N, C-alpha and C. Protein backbone atom coordinates (compact mmCIF):
# COMPACT_ATOMS: atom_id res chain seq x y z
N UNK A 1 -43.35 -16.41 23.18
CA UNK A 1 -41.89 -16.25 23.04
C UNK A 1 -41.42 -15.16 24.05
N UNK A 2 -40.30 -15.61 24.66
CA UNK A 2 -39.75 -14.59 25.53
C UNK A 2 -38.78 -13.83 24.85
N UNK A 3 -38.09 -12.85 25.49
CA UNK A 3 -37.24 -11.80 24.98
C UNK A 3 -36.03 -12.48 24.34
N UNK A 4 -35.45 -13.50 24.84
CA UNK A 4 -34.27 -14.13 24.35
C UNK A 4 -34.54 -14.90 22.96
N UNK A 5 -35.61 -15.42 22.93
CA UNK A 5 -36.05 -16.19 21.64
C UNK A 5 -36.30 -15.13 20.60
N UNK A 6 -36.92 -13.94 20.95
CA UNK A 6 -37.16 -12.95 20.00
C UNK A 6 -35.85 -12.40 19.42
N UNK A 7 -34.94 -12.15 20.34
CA UNK A 7 -33.52 -11.67 19.87
C UNK A 7 -32.85 -12.67 18.99
N UNK A 8 -33.02 -13.91 19.29
CA UNK A 8 -32.33 -15.04 18.57
C UNK A 8 -32.94 -15.06 17.16
N UNK A 9 -34.28 -14.94 17.10
CA UNK A 9 -34.91 -15.03 15.87
C UNK A 9 -34.56 -13.75 14.92
N UNK A 10 -34.49 -12.62 15.56
CA UNK A 10 -34.05 -11.40 14.94
C UNK A 10 -32.73 -11.58 14.41
N UNK A 11 -31.77 -12.15 15.09
CA UNK A 11 -30.35 -12.43 14.60
C UNK A 11 -30.39 -13.39 13.45
N UNK A 12 -31.28 -14.43 13.54
CA UNK A 12 -31.31 -15.23 12.38
C UNK A 12 -31.80 -14.65 11.08
N UNK A 13 -32.84 -13.77 11.25
CA UNK A 13 -33.30 -13.06 10.11
C UNK A 13 -32.17 -12.13 9.61
N UNK A 14 -31.49 -11.41 10.42
CA UNK A 14 -30.45 -10.53 10.12
C UNK A 14 -29.28 -11.30 9.30
N UNK A 15 -28.90 -12.35 9.95
CA UNK A 15 -27.84 -13.12 9.24
C UNK A 15 -28.28 -13.64 7.99
N UNK A 16 -29.54 -14.10 7.72
CA UNK A 16 -29.98 -14.47 6.44
C UNK A 16 -30.09 -13.37 5.41
N UNK A 17 -30.55 -12.15 5.94
CA UNK A 17 -30.79 -11.03 5.17
C UNK A 17 -29.39 -10.41 4.62
N UNK A 18 -28.42 -10.29 5.45
CA UNK A 18 -27.21 -9.76 5.08
C UNK A 18 -26.12 -10.91 4.64
N UNK A 19 -26.62 -12.10 4.70
CA UNK A 19 -25.78 -13.31 4.26
C UNK A 19 -24.46 -13.30 5.16
N UNK A 20 -24.64 -13.16 6.44
CA UNK A 20 -23.54 -13.23 7.51
C UNK A 20 -23.70 -14.50 8.31
N UNK A 21 -22.82 -15.30 8.57
CA UNK A 21 -23.01 -16.44 9.45
C UNK A 21 -23.48 -16.06 10.80
N UNK A 22 -24.50 -16.90 11.26
CA UNK A 22 -25.06 -16.58 12.58
C UNK A 22 -24.03 -16.61 13.68
N UNK A 23 -23.11 -17.56 13.50
CA UNK A 23 -22.02 -17.67 14.63
C UNK A 23 -21.12 -16.39 14.72
N UNK A 24 -20.93 -15.74 13.57
CA UNK A 24 -20.20 -14.56 13.60
C UNK A 24 -20.98 -13.45 14.28
N UNK A 25 -22.26 -13.37 14.07
CA UNK A 25 -23.01 -12.28 14.78
C UNK A 25 -22.99 -12.57 16.30
N UNK A 26 -23.24 -13.85 16.62
CA UNK A 26 -23.20 -14.29 17.99
C UNK A 26 -21.93 -13.94 18.61
N UNK A 27 -20.86 -14.33 18.09
CA UNK A 27 -19.42 -14.02 18.57
C UNK A 27 -19.26 -12.56 18.82
N UNK A 28 -19.72 -11.78 17.88
CA UNK A 28 -19.58 -10.33 17.98
C UNK A 28 -20.39 -9.73 19.05
N UNK A 29 -21.58 -10.23 19.27
CA UNK A 29 -22.39 -9.76 20.37
C UNK A 29 -22.03 -10.13 21.74
N UNK A 30 -21.37 -11.35 21.80
CA UNK A 30 -20.86 -11.82 23.13
C UNK A 30 -19.45 -11.45 23.31
N UNK A 31 -18.83 -10.62 22.46
CA UNK A 31 -17.42 -10.14 22.64
C UNK A 31 -16.46 -11.34 22.56
N UNK A 32 -16.73 -12.41 21.89
CA UNK A 32 -15.67 -13.42 21.71
C UNK A 32 -14.68 -13.06 20.57
N UNK A 33 -14.99 -12.07 19.81
CA UNK A 33 -13.99 -11.64 18.81
C UNK A 33 -13.17 -10.43 19.28
N UNK A 34 -11.87 -10.38 18.76
CA UNK A 34 -11.11 -9.25 19.07
C UNK A 34 -10.67 -8.60 17.84
N UNK A 35 -10.53 -7.21 17.88
CA UNK A 35 -10.11 -6.54 16.63
C UNK A 35 -8.57 -6.67 16.56
N UNK A 36 -8.22 -7.17 15.44
CA UNK A 36 -6.72 -7.49 15.26
C UNK A 36 -6.39 -7.18 13.76
N UNK A 37 -5.15 -6.92 13.54
CA UNK A 37 -4.74 -6.74 12.13
C UNK A 37 -4.36 -8.04 11.55
N UNK A 38 -4.80 -8.34 10.31
CA UNK A 38 -4.51 -9.55 9.76
C UNK A 38 -3.13 -9.53 9.09
N UNK A 39 -2.45 -10.62 8.95
CA UNK A 39 -1.09 -10.63 8.28
C UNK A 39 0.01 -10.32 9.22
N UNK A 40 1.22 -10.64 8.70
CA UNK A 40 2.46 -10.33 9.58
C UNK A 40 2.65 -8.87 9.64
N UNK A 41 3.37 -8.39 10.75
CA UNK A 41 3.86 -7.18 10.81
C UNK A 41 4.94 -6.80 9.79
N UNK A 42 5.05 -5.62 9.39
CA UNK A 42 5.96 -5.21 8.41
C UNK A 42 7.43 -5.23 8.97
N UNK A 43 8.48 -5.55 8.25
CA UNK A 43 9.83 -5.53 8.60
C UNK A 43 10.41 -4.16 8.80
N UNK A 44 9.97 -3.36 7.87
CA UNK A 44 10.54 -1.99 7.91
C UNK A 44 9.63 -1.05 8.74
N UNK A 45 10.27 -0.12 9.45
CA UNK A 45 9.35 1.00 10.18
C UNK A 45 8.79 1.88 9.12
N UNK A 46 7.87 2.69 9.51
CA UNK A 46 7.15 3.56 8.66
C UNK A 46 8.26 4.56 8.10
N UNK A 47 9.12 5.07 8.84
CA UNK A 47 10.22 5.93 8.43
C UNK A 47 11.10 5.32 7.41
N UNK A 48 11.46 4.10 7.62
CA UNK A 48 12.36 3.27 6.68
C UNK A 48 11.57 3.06 5.28
N UNK A 49 10.29 2.66 5.43
CA UNK A 49 9.59 2.53 4.16
C UNK A 49 9.46 3.86 3.44
N UNK A 50 9.34 5.01 4.12
CA UNK A 50 9.39 6.26 3.33
C UNK A 50 10.71 6.56 2.76
N UNK A 51 11.81 6.16 3.35
CA UNK A 51 13.14 6.30 2.78
C UNK A 51 13.21 5.46 1.53
N UNK A 52 12.75 4.22 1.44
CA UNK A 52 12.78 3.38 0.28
C UNK A 52 11.95 4.07 -0.84
N UNK A 53 10.68 4.45 -0.52
CA UNK A 53 9.84 5.13 -1.56
C UNK A 53 10.47 6.37 -2.09
N UNK A 54 11.10 7.16 -1.21
CA UNK A 54 11.77 8.38 -1.68
C UNK A 54 13.03 8.12 -2.47
N UNK A 55 13.75 7.10 -2.24
CA UNK A 55 14.83 6.69 -3.11
C UNK A 55 14.42 6.29 -4.51
N UNK A 56 13.28 5.59 -4.57
CA UNK A 56 12.79 5.17 -5.83
C UNK A 56 12.37 6.37 -6.69
N UNK A 57 11.56 7.27 -6.02
CA UNK A 57 11.21 8.40 -6.72
C UNK A 57 12.41 9.48 -7.01
N UNK A 58 13.26 9.46 -6.22
CA UNK A 58 14.45 10.23 -6.34
C UNK A 58 15.28 9.84 -7.52
N UNK A 59 15.41 8.58 -7.75
CA UNK A 59 16.16 8.00 -8.93
C UNK A 59 15.27 8.28 -10.21
N UNK A 60 13.98 8.18 -10.06
CA UNK A 60 13.05 8.35 -11.21
C UNK A 60 13.17 9.75 -11.64
N UNK A 61 13.25 10.76 -10.79
CA UNK A 61 13.34 12.15 -11.06
C UNK A 61 14.65 12.47 -11.83
N UNK A 62 15.70 11.66 -11.47
CA UNK A 62 17.02 11.86 -12.14
C UNK A 62 17.06 11.18 -13.51
N UNK A 63 15.94 10.48 -13.89
CA UNK A 63 15.92 9.88 -15.25
C UNK A 63 16.40 8.42 -15.10
N UNK A 64 16.80 7.89 -13.89
CA UNK A 64 17.22 6.51 -13.69
C UNK A 64 16.21 5.58 -13.22
N UNK A 65 16.23 4.39 -13.62
CA UNK A 65 15.37 3.35 -13.15
C UNK A 65 15.98 2.51 -12.04
N UNK A 66 15.22 1.99 -11.07
CA UNK A 66 15.93 1.02 -10.06
C UNK A 66 15.39 -0.34 -10.28
N UNK A 67 16.28 -1.19 -10.22
CA UNK A 67 15.90 -2.59 -10.40
C UNK A 67 15.54 -3.21 -9.12
N UNK A 68 14.81 -4.37 -9.25
CA UNK A 68 14.33 -5.07 -7.94
C UNK A 68 15.49 -5.49 -7.11
N UNK A 69 16.75 -5.80 -7.75
CA UNK A 69 17.89 -6.14 -7.04
C UNK A 69 18.40 -4.98 -6.28
N UNK A 70 18.42 -3.84 -6.80
CA UNK A 70 18.92 -2.59 -6.14
C UNK A 70 18.00 -2.22 -5.06
N UNK A 71 16.67 -2.42 -5.23
CA UNK A 71 15.71 -2.12 -4.11
C UNK A 71 15.93 -3.08 -2.94
N UNK A 72 16.13 -4.36 -3.16
CA UNK A 72 16.29 -5.29 -2.10
C UNK A 72 17.54 -4.96 -1.32
N UNK A 73 18.70 -4.45 -1.98
CA UNK A 73 19.86 -4.15 -1.27
C UNK A 73 19.67 -2.90 -0.55
N UNK A 74 18.78 -2.00 -1.03
CA UNK A 74 18.50 -0.77 -0.23
C UNK A 74 17.79 -1.10 1.08
N UNK A 75 16.92 -2.14 1.10
CA UNK A 75 16.27 -2.66 2.34
C UNK A 75 17.38 -3.32 3.15
N UNK A 76 18.28 -3.99 2.68
CA UNK A 76 19.30 -4.67 3.46
C UNK A 76 20.22 -3.61 4.17
N UNK A 77 20.26 -2.51 3.44
CA UNK A 77 21.18 -1.45 3.99
C UNK A 77 20.49 -0.71 5.18
N UNK A 78 19.13 -0.71 5.06
CA UNK A 78 18.33 -0.09 6.11
C UNK A 78 18.17 -0.95 7.26
N UNK A 79 18.16 -2.35 7.14
CA UNK A 79 17.89 -3.18 8.20
C UNK A 79 19.17 -4.05 8.69
N UNK A 80 20.25 -3.33 8.52
CA UNK A 80 21.51 -4.04 8.98
C UNK A 80 21.62 -4.13 10.41
N UNK A 81 21.09 -3.30 11.15
CA UNK A 81 21.24 -3.26 12.58
C UNK A 81 20.12 -4.04 13.35
N UNK A 82 19.20 -4.37 12.70
CA UNK A 82 18.12 -5.24 13.39
C UNK A 82 17.89 -6.58 12.73
N UNK A 83 17.35 -7.48 13.48
CA UNK A 83 17.13 -8.83 13.01
C UNK A 83 15.88 -8.78 12.01
N UNK A 84 16.02 -9.50 10.93
CA UNK A 84 14.93 -9.65 9.96
C UNK A 84 14.51 -11.09 9.77
N UNK A 85 13.36 -11.39 9.23
CA UNK A 85 13.11 -12.74 8.84
C UNK A 85 13.51 -13.15 7.50
N UNK A 86 14.33 -12.32 6.89
CA UNK A 86 14.66 -12.65 5.52
C UNK A 86 15.83 -13.75 5.47
N UNK A 87 15.82 -14.55 4.51
CA UNK A 87 16.89 -15.46 4.33
C UNK A 87 18.16 -14.78 3.87
N UNK A 88 19.21 -14.99 4.49
CA UNK A 88 20.56 -14.23 4.28
C UNK A 88 20.34 -12.75 4.38
N UNK A 89 19.38 -12.32 5.20
CA UNK A 89 19.07 -10.88 5.42
C UNK A 89 18.68 -10.09 4.14
N UNK A 90 18.30 -10.76 3.03
CA UNK A 90 17.92 -10.27 1.76
C UNK A 90 16.29 -10.53 1.62
N UNK A 91 15.57 -9.53 1.32
CA UNK A 91 14.14 -9.74 1.11
C UNK A 91 13.86 -10.56 -0.09
N UNK A 92 12.85 -11.39 -0.02
CA UNK A 92 12.55 -12.26 -1.12
C UNK A 92 11.33 -11.69 -1.89
N UNK A 93 10.84 -12.41 -2.88
CA UNK A 93 9.80 -12.06 -3.70
C UNK A 93 8.50 -11.80 -2.94
N UNK A 94 8.24 -12.57 -1.90
CA UNK A 94 7.00 -12.25 -1.15
C UNK A 94 6.99 -10.94 -0.43
N UNK A 95 8.19 -10.57 0.00
CA UNK A 95 8.28 -9.20 0.44
C UNK A 95 7.97 -8.08 -0.46
N UNK A 96 8.48 -8.29 -1.70
CA UNK A 96 8.31 -7.36 -2.84
C UNK A 96 6.83 -7.25 -3.18
N UNK A 97 6.12 -8.43 -3.14
CA UNK A 97 4.70 -8.39 -3.51
C UNK A 97 3.88 -7.57 -2.33
N UNK A 98 4.35 -7.89 -1.06
CA UNK A 98 3.74 -7.19 0.00
C UNK A 98 4.01 -5.65 -0.09
N UNK A 99 5.16 -5.28 -0.44
CA UNK A 99 5.53 -3.83 -0.48
C UNK A 99 4.81 -3.19 -1.60
N UNK A 100 4.82 -3.88 -2.78
CA UNK A 100 3.98 -3.39 -3.98
C UNK A 100 2.61 -3.14 -3.71
N UNK A 101 1.92 -4.04 -2.91
CA UNK A 101 0.49 -3.80 -2.58
C UNK A 101 0.36 -2.77 -1.61
N UNK A 102 1.30 -2.55 -0.68
CA UNK A 102 1.13 -1.42 0.20
C UNK A 102 1.33 -0.11 -0.42
N UNK A 103 2.31 -0.11 -1.35
CA UNK A 103 2.65 1.24 -2.04
C UNK A 103 2.33 1.13 -3.48
N UNK A 104 1.03 1.42 -3.84
CA UNK A 104 0.63 1.21 -5.15
C UNK A 104 1.13 2.23 -6.26
N UNK A 105 1.74 3.30 -5.57
CA UNK A 105 2.17 4.47 -6.49
C UNK A 105 3.58 4.10 -7.12
N UNK A 106 4.21 2.95 -6.65
CA UNK A 106 5.49 2.67 -7.22
C UNK A 106 5.43 1.41 -8.10
N UNK A 107 6.29 1.32 -9.02
CA UNK A 107 6.43 0.08 -9.80
C UNK A 107 7.90 -0.08 -10.21
N UNK A 108 8.41 -1.28 -10.27
CA UNK A 108 9.82 -1.48 -10.67
C UNK A 108 9.80 -2.06 -12.13
N UNK A 109 10.59 -1.47 -12.98
CA UNK A 109 10.74 -1.86 -14.37
C UNK A 109 12.01 -2.82 -14.58
N UNK A 110 11.95 -3.57 -15.59
CA UNK A 110 13.18 -4.25 -15.98
C UNK A 110 14.13 -3.28 -16.50
N UNK A 111 15.41 -3.36 -16.06
CA UNK A 111 16.40 -2.49 -16.59
C UNK A 111 17.04 -3.07 -17.80
N UNK A 112 17.01 -2.38 -18.94
CA UNK A 112 17.58 -2.80 -20.18
C UNK A 112 18.94 -2.07 -20.38
N UNK A 113 19.94 -2.89 -20.86
CA UNK A 113 21.18 -2.21 -21.09
C UNK A 113 21.16 -1.61 -22.48
N UNK A 114 22.04 -0.57 -22.72
CA UNK A 114 22.08 0.07 -23.93
C UNK A 114 22.92 -0.78 -24.90
N UNK A 115 22.41 -0.96 -26.16
CA UNK A 115 23.17 -1.80 -27.13
C UNK A 115 24.49 -1.02 -27.54
N UNK A 116 25.47 -1.87 -27.84
CA UNK A 116 26.76 -1.30 -28.03
C UNK A 116 26.62 -0.45 -29.35
N UNK A 117 26.02 -0.86 -30.29
CA UNK A 117 25.85 -0.02 -31.44
C UNK A 117 25.34 1.35 -31.18
N UNK A 118 24.25 1.47 -30.28
CA UNK A 118 23.63 2.68 -29.97
C UNK A 118 24.63 3.50 -29.20
N UNK A 119 25.35 2.90 -28.28
CA UNK A 119 26.28 3.61 -27.36
C UNK A 119 27.50 4.20 -28.21
N UNK A 120 27.95 3.40 -29.22
CA UNK A 120 28.97 3.85 -29.98
C UNK A 120 28.47 5.05 -31.04
N UNK A 121 27.23 4.89 -31.42
CA UNK A 121 26.73 6.01 -32.25
C UNK A 121 26.36 7.25 -31.55
N UNK A 122 26.39 7.38 -30.26
CA UNK A 122 26.06 8.47 -29.56
C UNK A 122 27.45 9.24 -29.22
N UNK A 123 27.74 9.98 -30.21
CA UNK A 123 29.05 10.81 -30.14
C UNK A 123 28.66 12.20 -30.07
N UNK A 124 29.64 13.07 -29.76
CA UNK A 124 29.42 14.61 -29.74
C UNK A 124 29.08 15.00 -31.05
N UNK A 125 29.71 14.49 -32.13
CA UNK A 125 29.44 15.00 -33.47
C UNK A 125 27.98 14.65 -33.94
N UNK A 126 27.49 13.41 -33.62
CA UNK A 126 26.20 12.91 -33.95
C UNK A 126 25.11 13.84 -33.19
N UNK A 127 25.38 14.08 -31.86
CA UNK A 127 24.43 14.99 -31.12
C UNK A 127 24.36 16.32 -31.68
N UNK A 128 25.56 16.94 -32.04
CA UNK A 128 25.58 18.23 -32.53
C UNK A 128 24.82 18.33 -33.92
N UNK A 129 25.04 17.36 -34.67
CA UNK A 129 24.34 17.16 -36.01
C UNK A 129 22.96 17.14 -35.92
N UNK A 130 22.41 16.37 -34.96
CA UNK A 130 20.95 16.33 -34.75
C UNK A 130 20.35 17.56 -34.34
N UNK A 131 20.95 18.27 -33.39
CA UNK A 131 20.53 19.57 -32.89
C UNK A 131 20.54 20.65 -33.96
N UNK A 132 21.63 20.58 -34.67
CA UNK A 132 21.67 21.62 -35.86
C UNK A 132 20.57 21.36 -36.81
N UNK A 133 20.29 20.12 -37.13
CA UNK A 133 19.15 19.76 -38.19
C UNK A 133 17.91 20.12 -37.55
N UNK A 134 17.75 19.93 -36.35
CA UNK A 134 16.49 20.33 -35.59
C UNK A 134 16.28 21.84 -35.66
N UNK A 135 17.38 22.58 -35.36
CA UNK A 135 17.38 24.00 -35.35
C UNK A 135 16.96 24.53 -36.72
N UNK A 136 17.54 24.00 -37.83
CA UNK A 136 17.29 24.46 -39.18
C UNK A 136 15.79 24.28 -39.59
N UNK A 137 15.27 23.08 -39.11
CA UNK A 137 13.83 22.86 -39.37
C UNK A 137 12.95 23.81 -38.59
N UNK A 138 13.30 24.10 -37.28
CA UNK A 138 12.46 25.11 -36.61
C UNK A 138 12.51 26.39 -37.28
N UNK A 139 13.69 26.78 -37.77
CA UNK A 139 13.78 28.09 -38.41
C UNK A 139 13.07 28.17 -39.79
N UNK A 140 13.12 26.98 -40.44
CA UNK A 140 12.52 27.03 -41.81
C UNK A 140 10.95 26.96 -41.78
N UNK A 141 10.39 26.27 -40.80
CA UNK A 141 8.92 26.08 -40.66
C UNK A 141 8.28 26.72 -39.61
N UNK A 142 8.97 27.42 -38.68
CA UNK A 142 8.26 28.21 -37.69
C UNK A 142 7.19 27.37 -36.88
N UNK A 143 7.57 26.20 -36.40
CA UNK A 143 6.65 25.40 -35.54
C UNK A 143 6.19 26.18 -34.33
N UNK A 144 4.90 26.03 -34.04
CA UNK A 144 4.46 26.50 -32.77
C UNK A 144 4.87 25.63 -31.56
N UNK A 145 4.88 26.16 -30.42
CA UNK A 145 5.28 25.32 -29.22
C UNK A 145 4.41 24.25 -28.96
N UNK A 146 3.19 24.35 -29.26
CA UNK A 146 2.21 23.16 -28.91
C UNK A 146 2.12 22.24 -30.00
N UNK A 147 2.95 22.32 -31.15
CA UNK A 147 3.01 21.42 -32.22
C UNK A 147 4.26 20.57 -32.10
N UNK A 148 4.92 20.59 -30.96
CA UNK A 148 6.18 19.78 -30.82
C UNK A 148 5.78 18.57 -30.07
N UNK A 149 6.15 17.40 -30.58
CA UNK A 149 5.87 16.13 -29.90
C UNK A 149 7.20 15.32 -29.69
N UNK A 150 7.22 14.60 -28.62
CA UNK A 150 8.32 13.62 -28.37
C UNK A 150 7.84 12.21 -28.66
N UNK A 151 8.69 11.50 -29.49
CA UNK A 151 8.38 10.20 -29.84
C UNK A 151 9.69 9.48 -29.99
N UNK A 152 9.65 8.18 -30.08
CA UNK A 152 10.76 7.24 -30.28
C UNK A 152 10.28 6.14 -31.09
N UNK A 153 11.10 5.02 -31.24
CA UNK A 153 10.72 3.99 -32.10
C UNK A 153 9.55 3.18 -31.65
N UNK A 154 9.08 3.45 -30.47
CA UNK A 154 7.95 2.67 -29.84
C UNK A 154 6.68 3.44 -30.36
N UNK A 155 6.72 4.72 -30.26
CA UNK A 155 5.58 5.47 -30.57
C UNK A 155 5.58 6.90 -29.79
N UNK A 156 4.44 7.54 -29.93
CA UNK A 156 4.28 8.85 -29.36
C UNK A 156 3.87 8.65 -27.90
């Protein structure tokens, strides 16, 4: 066996051992492959993506949630001066899925409106009454700071 046949047999054993196609190894060794990034390029620049993420977290810090519709129009606002592949210049659901996979730290929740009965019940008198009752309970029972819990109708 000459040197070429020995190399070929070694490649066959390697491809079998690591479960890699032999043609992939041969293409790699003969430089037929090129390193390239898979998938389409992003529409937003890195700085613009950072602005979108910061606006999401900024609204979150203020206690507000952002809807998917609002997020899409934020992107429209940022991309007004450049051409985009979006239909009517508005990003679609595939863009949202791409953006969500790229930025795992964010999530968009469905925004629910406040019921009319809850909004009407939220008056200055009702709020003052709640805090007066709470203050009287604190004074009566002397709760420790680490024994205070926040809960709502869903749970703790």
